[in-house]
PDB file of N, CA and C in Angstrom:
ATOM      1  N   UNK A   1    -167.367 -28.254 -17.434  1.00  0.00           N
ATOM      2  CA  UNK A   1    -166.424 -26.737 -16.523  1.00  0.00           C
ATOM      3  C   UNK A   1    -167.623 -27.438 -15.228  1.00  0.00           C
ATOM      4  N   UNK A   2    -167.415 -27.104 -14.313  1.00  0.00           N
ATOM      5  CA  UNK A   2    -167.751 -27.266 -12.911  1.00  0.00           C
ATOM      6  C   UNK A   2    -168.517 -25.601 -12.760  1.00  0.00           C
ATOM      7  N   UNK A   3    -170.174 -25.749 -12.532  1.00  0.00           N
ATOM      8  CA  UNK A   3    -170.449 -24.557 -12.404  1.00  0.00           C
ATOM      9  C   UNK A   3    -169.808 -23.585 -10.870  1.00  0.00           C
ATOM     10  N   UNK A   4    -169.272 -23.957 -10.274  1.00  0.00           N
ATOM     11  CA  UNK A   4    -168.410 -23.603  -9.086  1.00  0.00           C
ATOM     12  C   UNK A   4    -166.845 -22.874  -9.549  1.00  0.00           C
ATOM     13  N   UNK A   5    -166.380 -23.663 -10.188  1.00  0.00           N
ATOM     14  CA  UNK A   5    -165.068 -23.104 -11.232  1.00  0.00           C
ATOM     15  C   UNK A   5    -165.270 -22.210 -12.169  1.00  0.00           C
ATOM     16  N   UNK A   6    -166.878 -22.322 -12.822  1.00  0.00           N
ATOM     17  CA  UNK A   6    -167.060 -20.402 -13.308  1.00  0.00           C
ATOM     18  C   UNK A   6    -167.171 -19.652 -12.383  1.00  0.00           C
ATOM     19  N   UNK A   7    -168.134 -19.637 -11.449  1.00  0.00           N
ATOM     20  CA  UNK A   7    -168.001 -18.925 -10.520  1.00  0.00           C
ATOM     21  C   UNK A   7    -166.933 -17.979 -10.192  1.00  0.00           C
ATOM     22  N   UNK A   8    -166.226 -19.166  -9.716  1.00  0.00           N
ATOM     23  CA  UNK A   8    -164.684 -19.304  -9.410  1.00  0.00           C
ATOM     24  C   UNK A   8    -164.011 -17.874 -10.152  1.00  0.00           C
ATOM     25  N   UNK A   9    -163.957 -18.383 -11.339  1.00  0.00           N
ATOM     26  CA  UNK A   9    -163.133 -17.337 -12.121  1.00  0.00           C
ATOM     27  C   UNK A   9    -163.612 -15.986 -12.285  1.00  0.00           C
ATOM     28  N   UNK A  10    -165.076 -16.023 -12.689  1.00  0.00           N
ATOM     29  CA  UNK A  10    -165.546 -14.875 -12.709  1.00  0.00           C
ATOM     30  C   UNK A  10    -165.312 -13.646 -11.581  1.00  0.00           C
ATOM     31  N   UNK A  11    -165.582 -14.433 -10.719  1.00  0.00           N
ATOM     32  CA  UNK A  11    -165.300 -13.713  -8.965  1.00  0.00           C
ATOM     33  C   UNK A  11    -163.666 -13.373  -8.957  1.00  0.00           C
ATOM     34  N   UNK A  12    -162.990 -13.751  -9.340  1.00  0.00           N
ATOM     35  CA  UNK A  12    -161.623 -13.270  -9.499  1.00  0.00           C
ATOM     36  C   UNK A  12    -161.295 -12.582 -10.511  1.00  0.00           C
ATOM     37  N   UNK A  13    -161.755 -12.598 -11.746  1.00  0.00           N
ATOM     38  CA  UNK A  13    -161.849 -11.471 -12.569  1.00  0.00           C
ATOM     39  C   UNK A  13    -162.423  -9.995 -12.497  1.00  0.00           C
ATOM     40  N   UNK A  14    -163.501 -10.135 -11.679  1.00  0.00           N
ATOM     41  CA  UNK A  14    -164.219  -9.070 -10.650  1.00  0.00           C
ATOM     42  C   UNK A  14    -163.058  -8.294 -10.408  1.00  0.00           C
ATOM     43  N   UNK A  15    -162.341  -8.995  -9.143  1.00  0.00           N
ATOM     44  CA  UNK A  15    -161.665  -8.297  -8.047  1.00  0.00           C
ATOM     45  C   UNK A  15    -160.450  -7.776  -8.832  1.00  0.00           C
ATOM     46  N   UNK A  16    -159.671  -8.429 -10.135  1.00  0.00           N
ATOM     47  CA  UNK A  16    -158.364  -8.176 -10.168  1.00  0.00           C
ATOM     48  C   UNK A  16    -158.943  -6.559 -11.027  1.00  0.00           C
ATOM     49  N   UNK A  17    -160.229  -6.721 -12.028  1.00  0.00           N
ATOM     50  CA  UNK A  17    -160.880  -5.264 -12.381  1.00  0.00           C
ATOM     51  C   UNK A  17    -160.856  -4.585 -11.638  1.00  0.00           C
ATOM     52  N   UNK A  18    -161.439  -4.936 -10.393  1.00  0.00           N
ATOM     53  CA  UNK A  18    -161.524  -3.432  -9.643  1.00  0.00           C
ATOM     54  C   UNK A  18    -160.445  -3.025  -8.659  1.00  0.00           C
ATOM     55  N   UNK A  19    -159.543  -3.816  -8.749  1.00  0.00           N
ATOM     56  CA  UNK A  19    -158.550  -3.575  -8.071  1.00  0.00           C
ATOM     57  C   UNK A  19    -157.082  -2.487  -9.015  1.00  0.00           C
ATOM     58  N   UNK A  20    -157.889  -2.659  -9.873  1.00  0.00           N
ATOM     59  CA  UNK A  20    -157.034  -1.392 -11.381  1.00  0.00           C
ATOM     60  C   UNK A  20    -156.921  -0.310 -11.236  1.00  0.00           C
ATOM     61  N   UNK A  21    -156.106   0.541 -11.055  1.00  0.00           N
ATOM     62  CA  UNK A  21    -156.039   1.697 -10.667  1.00  0.00           C
ATOM     63  C   UNK A  21    -157.236   2.490 -11.640  1.00  0.00           C
ATOM     64  N   UNK A  22    -157.104   2.575 -12.590  1.00  0.00           N
ATOM     65  CA  UNK A  22    -158.433   3.131 -13.661  1.00  0.00           C
ATOM     66  C   UNK A  22    -159.869   2.435 -12.879  1.00  0.00           C
ATOM     67  N   UNK A  23    -160.100   1.757 -12.023  1.00  0.00           N
ATOM     68  CA  UNK A  23    -161.104   1.596 -11.675  1.00  0.00           C
ATOM     69  C   UNK A  23    -161.487   1.579 -10.235  1.00  0.00           C
ATOM     70  N   UNK A  24    -160.287   1.896  -9.745  1.00  0.00           N
ATOM     71  CA  UNK A  24    -160.804   2.080  -7.768  1.00  0.00           C
ATOM     72  C   UNK A  24    -161.500   3.293  -7.483  1.00  0.00           C
ATOM     73  N   UNK A  25    -161.535   4.229  -8.361  1.00  0.00           N
ATOM     74  CA  UNK A  25    -162.594   5.462  -8.223  1.00  0.00           C
ATOM     75  C   UNK A  25    -163.907   4.821  -7.819  1.00  0.00           C
ATOM     76  N   UNK A  26    -164.338   3.952  -8.744  1.00  0.00           N
ATOM     77  CA  UNK A  26    -165.369   3.921  -9.430  1.00  0.00           C
ATOM     78  C   UNK A  26    -166.278   2.850  -8.784  1.00  0.00           C
ATOM     79  N   UNK A  27    -165.262   2.188  -8.046  1.00  0.00           N
ATOM     80  CA  UNK A  27    -165.585   0.687  -7.191  1.00  0.00           C
ATOM     81  C   UNK A  27    -166.914   0.541  -6.368  1.00  0.00           C
ATOM     82  N   UNK A  28    -166.361   1.974  -5.317  1.00  0.00           N
ATOM     83  CA  UNK A  28    -168.006   2.267  -4.428  1.00  0.00           C
ATOM     84  C   UNK A  28    -168.726   2.218  -4.595  1.00  0.00           C
ATOM     85  N   UNK A  29    -169.215   3.294  -5.874  1.00  0.00           N
ATOM     86  CA  UNK A  29    -170.825   2.889  -6.611  1.00  0.00           C
ATOM     87  C   UNK A  29    -171.334   1.491  -6.859  1.00  0.00           C
ATOM     88  N   UNK A  30    -169.725   1.193  -8.192  1.00  0.00           N
ATOM     89  CA  UNK A  30    -170.116  -0.355  -7.923  1.00  0.00           C
ATOM     90  C   UNK A  30    -170.750  -0.924  -7.588  1.00  0.00           C
ATOM     91  N   UNK A  31    -170.215  -1.260  -5.957  1.00  0.00           N
ATOM     92  CA  UNK A  31    -170.890  -2.346  -5.092  1.00  0.00           C
ATOM     93  C   UNK A  31    -172.645  -1.869  -4.535  1.00  0.00           C
ATOM     94  N   UNK A  32    -172.229  -0.671  -4.626  1.00  0.00           N
ATOM     95  CA  UNK A  32    -173.515   0.016  -4.050  1.00  0.00           C
ATOM     96  C   UNK A  32    -174.586  -0.071  -4.887  1.00  0.00           C
ATOM     97  N   UNK A  33    -174.698  -0.126  -6.190  1.00  0.00           N
ATOM     98  CA  UNK A  33    -175.336  -0.151  -7.527  1.00  0.00           C
ATOM     99  C   UNK A  33    -175.559  -2.045  -7.210  1.00  0.00           C
ATOM    100  N   UNK A  34    -174.889  -2.937  -7.099  1.00  0.00           N
ATOM    101  CA  UNK A  34    -175.266  -4.306  -7.000  1.00  0.00           C
ATOM    102  C   UNK A  34    -175.424  -4.561  -6.185  1.00  0.00           C
ATOM    103  N   UNK A  35    -175.561  -3.446  -4.408  1.00  0.00           N
ATOM    104  CA  UNK A  35    -176.157  -4.064  -3.508  1.00  0.00           C
ATOM    105  C   UNK A  35    -177.514  -3.806  -3.868  1.00  0.00           C
ATOM    106  N   UNK A  36    -178.299  -2.249  -4.340  1.00  0.00           N
ATOM    107  CA  UNK A  36    -179.551  -1.992  -4.521  1.00  0.00           C
ATOM    108  C   UNK A  36    -180.224  -2.752  -5.743  1.00  0.00           C
ATOM    109  N   UNK A  37    -179.275  -3.700  -6.267  1.00  0.00           N
ATOM    110  CA  UNK A  37    -180.113  -4.281  -7.627  1.00  0.00           C
ATOM    111  C   UNK A  37    -180.219  -5.642  -6.875  1.00  0.00           C
ATOM    112  N   UNK A  38    -179.466  -6.215  -5.991  1.00  0.00           N
ATOM    113  CA  UNK A  38    -179.440  -7.331  -5.399  1.00  0.00           C
ATOM    114  C   UNK A  38    -180.898  -7.057  -4.476  1.00  0.00           C
ATOM    115  N   UNK A  39    -180.963  -6.652  -4.179  1.00  0.00           N
ATOM    116  CA  UNK A  39    -181.847  -6.287  -2.978  1.00  0.00           C
ATOM    117  C   UNK A  39    -183.409  -5.807  -3.786  1.00  0.00           C
ATOM    118  N   UNK A  40    -183.589  -5.227  -4.552  1.00  0.00           N
ATOM    119  CA  UNK A  40    -184.479  -5.123  -5.604  1.00  0.00           C
ATOM    120  C   UNK A  40    -185.172  -6.370  -6.266  1.00  0.00           C
ATOM    121  N   UNK A  41    -186.267  -5.877  -7.842  1.00  0.00           N
ATOM    122  CA  UNK A  41    -186.444  -7.014  -8.412  1.00  0.00           C
ATOM    123  C   UNK A  41    -185.588  -7.712  -8.952  1.00  0.00           C
ATOM    124  N   UNK A  42    -184.270  -6.972  -9.191  1.00  0.00           N
ATOM    125  CA  UNK A  42    -183.069  -8.067 -10.060  1.00  0.00           C
ATOM    126  C   UNK A  42    -182.632  -8.683  -9.210  1.00  0.00           C
ATOM    127  N   UNK A  43    -183.060  -9.144  -8.096  1.00  0.00           N
ATOM    128  CA  UNK A  43    -182.520  -9.809  -6.726  1.00  0.00           C
ATOM    129  C   UNK A  43    -182.869 -11.216  -7.052  1.00  0.00           C
ATOM    130  N   UNK A  44    -182.504 -12.040  -6.016  1.00  0.00           N
ATOM    131  CA  UNK A  44    -182.524 -13.542  -5.651  1.00  0.00           C
ATOM    132  C   UNK A  44    -184.121 -13.134  -5.385  1.00  0.00           C
ATOM    133  N   UNK A  45    -185.244 -13.959  -5.429  1.00  0.00           N
ATOM    134  CA  UNK A  45    -186.749 -13.915  -4.694  1.00  0.00           C
ATOM    135  C   UNK A  45    -186.641 -14.090  -3.792  1.00  0.00           C
ATOM    136  N   UNK A  46    -185.805 -14.375  -2.431  1.00  0.00           N
ATOM    137  CA  UNK A  46    -186.396 -14.528  -1.276  1.00  0.00           C
ATOM    138  C   UNK A  46    -185.481 -13.511  -0.525  1.00  0.00           C
ATOM    139  N   UNK A  47    -185.993 -13.339   0.864  1.00  0.00           N
ATOM    140  CA  UNK A  47    -185.480 -12.452   1.980  1.00  0.00           C
ATOM    141  C   UNK A  47    -183.945 -13.196   2.157  1.00  0.00           C
ATOM    142  N   UNK A  48    -184.142 -14.153   2.311  1.00  0.00           N
ATOM    143  CA  UNK A  48    -182.620 -14.995   3.098  1.00  0.00           C
ATOM    144  C   UNK A  48    -181.736 -15.067   1.756  1.00  0.00           C
ATOM    145  N   UNK A  49    -182.577 -15.030   0.378  1.00  0.00           N
ATOM    146  CA  UNK A  49    -181.205 -15.102  -0.637  1.00  0.00           C
ATOM    147  C   UNK A  49    -180.559 -13.604  -0.776  1.00  0.00           C
ATOM    148  N   UNK A  50    -181.640 -12.728  -0.506  1.00  0.00           N
ATOM    149  CA  UNK A  50    -181.087 -11.909  -1.073  1.00  0.00           C
ATOM    150  C   UNK A  50    -180.463 -11.642   0.253  1.00  0.00           C
ATOM    151  N   UNK A  51    -180.614 -11.500   1.220  1.00  0.00           N
ATOM    152  CA  UNK A  51    -179.307 -11.414   2.569  1.00  0.00           C
ATOM    153  C   UNK A  51    -178.216 -11.915   2.570  1.00  0.00           C
ATOM    154  N   UNK A  52    -178.611 -13.565   2.293  1.00  0.00           N
ATOM    155  CA  UNK A  52    -176.866 -14.446   1.618  1.00  0.00           C
ATOM    156  C   UNK A  52    -175.974 -13.096   0.556  1.00  0.00           C
ATOM    157  N   UNK A  53    -176.622 -12.984  -0.405  1.00  0.00           N
ATOM    158  CA  UNK A  53    -175.845 -12.118  -1.709  1.00  0.00           C
ATOM    159  C   UNK A  53    -175.625 -10.746  -1.528  1.00  0.00           C
ATOM    160  N   UNK A  54    -176.359 -10.605  -0.659  1.00  0.00           N
ATOM    161  CA  UNK A  54    -175.880  -8.856   0.099  1.00  0.00           C
ATOM    162  C   UNK A  54    -174.601  -9.091   1.200  1.00  0.00           C
ATOM    163  N   UNK A  55    -174.442 -10.045   1.684  1.00  0.00           N
ATOM    164  CA  UNK A  55    -173.213 -10.639   2.557  1.00  0.00           C
ATOM    165  C   UNK A  55    -172.314 -11.281   1.748  1.00  0.00           C
ATOM    166  N   UNK A  56    -172.530 -11.625   0.900  1.00  0.00           N
ATOM    167  CA  UNK A  56    -171.250 -12.104  -0.068  1.00  0.00           C
ATOM    168  C   UNK A  56    -170.613 -11.131  -0.832  1.00  0.00           C
ATOM    169  N   UNK A  57    -171.504  -9.769  -0.958  1.00  0.00           N
ATOM    170  CA  UNK A  57    -170.973  -8.898  -1.931  1.00  0.00           C
ATOM    171  C   UNK A  57    -170.010  -8.169  -0.678  1.00  0.00           C
ATOM    172  N   UNK A  58    -170.703  -7.990   0.408  1.00  0.00           N
ATOM    173  CA  UNK A  58    -169.677  -7.536   1.367  1.00  0.00           C
ATOM    174  C   UNK A  58    -168.162  -8.067   1.551  1.00  0.00           C
ATOM    175  N   UNK A  59    -168.300  -9.473   1.420  1.00  0.00           N
ATOM    176  CA  UNK A  59    -167.314 -10.403   1.623  1.00  0.00           C
ATOM    177  C   UNK A  59    -166.410  -9.715   0.246  1.00  0.00           C
ATOM    178  N   UNK A  60    -166.939  -9.806  -1.060  1.00  0.00           N
ATOM    179  CA  UNK A  60    -165.964  -9.549  -1.972  1.00  0.00           C
ATOM    180  C   UNK A  60    -165.621  -8.204  -1.625  1.00  0.00           C
ATOM    181  N   UNK A  61    -166.442  -7.118  -1.365  1.00  0.00           N
ATOM    182  CA  UNK A  61    -165.705  -5.490  -1.742  1.00  0.00           C
ATOM    183  C   UNK A  61    -164.540  -5.893  -0.473  1.00  0.00           C
ATOM    184  N   UNK A  62    -164.479  -6.734   0.839  1.00  0.00           N
ATOM    185  CA  UNK A  62    -163.348  -6.508   1.707  1.00  0.00           C
ATOM    186  C   UNK A  62    -161.904  -7.034   0.790  1.00  0.00           C
ATOM    187  N   UNK A  63    -162.273  -7.905  -0.307  1.00  0.00           N
ATOM    188  CA  UNK A  63    -160.987  -8.862  -1.001  1.00  0.00           C
ATOM    189  C   UNK A  63    -160.616  -7.414  -1.792  1.00  0.00           C
ATOM    190  N   UNK A  64    -160.662  -6.151  -1.815  1.00  0.00           N
ATOM    191  CA  UNK A  64    -160.109  -5.259  -2.777  1.00  0.00           C
ATOM    192  C   UNK A  64    -159.136  -4.429  -1.822  1.00  0.00           C
ATOM    193  N   UNK A  65    -157.872  -4.541  -2.202  1.00  0.00           N
ATOM    194  CA  UNK A  65    -156.821  -3.588  -1.660  1.00  0.00           C
ATOM    195  C   UNK A  65    -156.892  -2.225  -1.389  1.00  0.00           C
TER     196      UNK A  65
END
């Protein structure tokens, strides 16, 4: 399986999970925690990579209904 196919599948799983009624109330906290992790030592090594990751996280957040 191609790496991109795996990423696409995990992304859709995450969006589906966060769109459930049970997860709706915690999704803001989840995105803030993820952003903090990306910008910290758990994130990618460079400033450009961190910025790209945070921007993509913002894109994913917009996918929520």
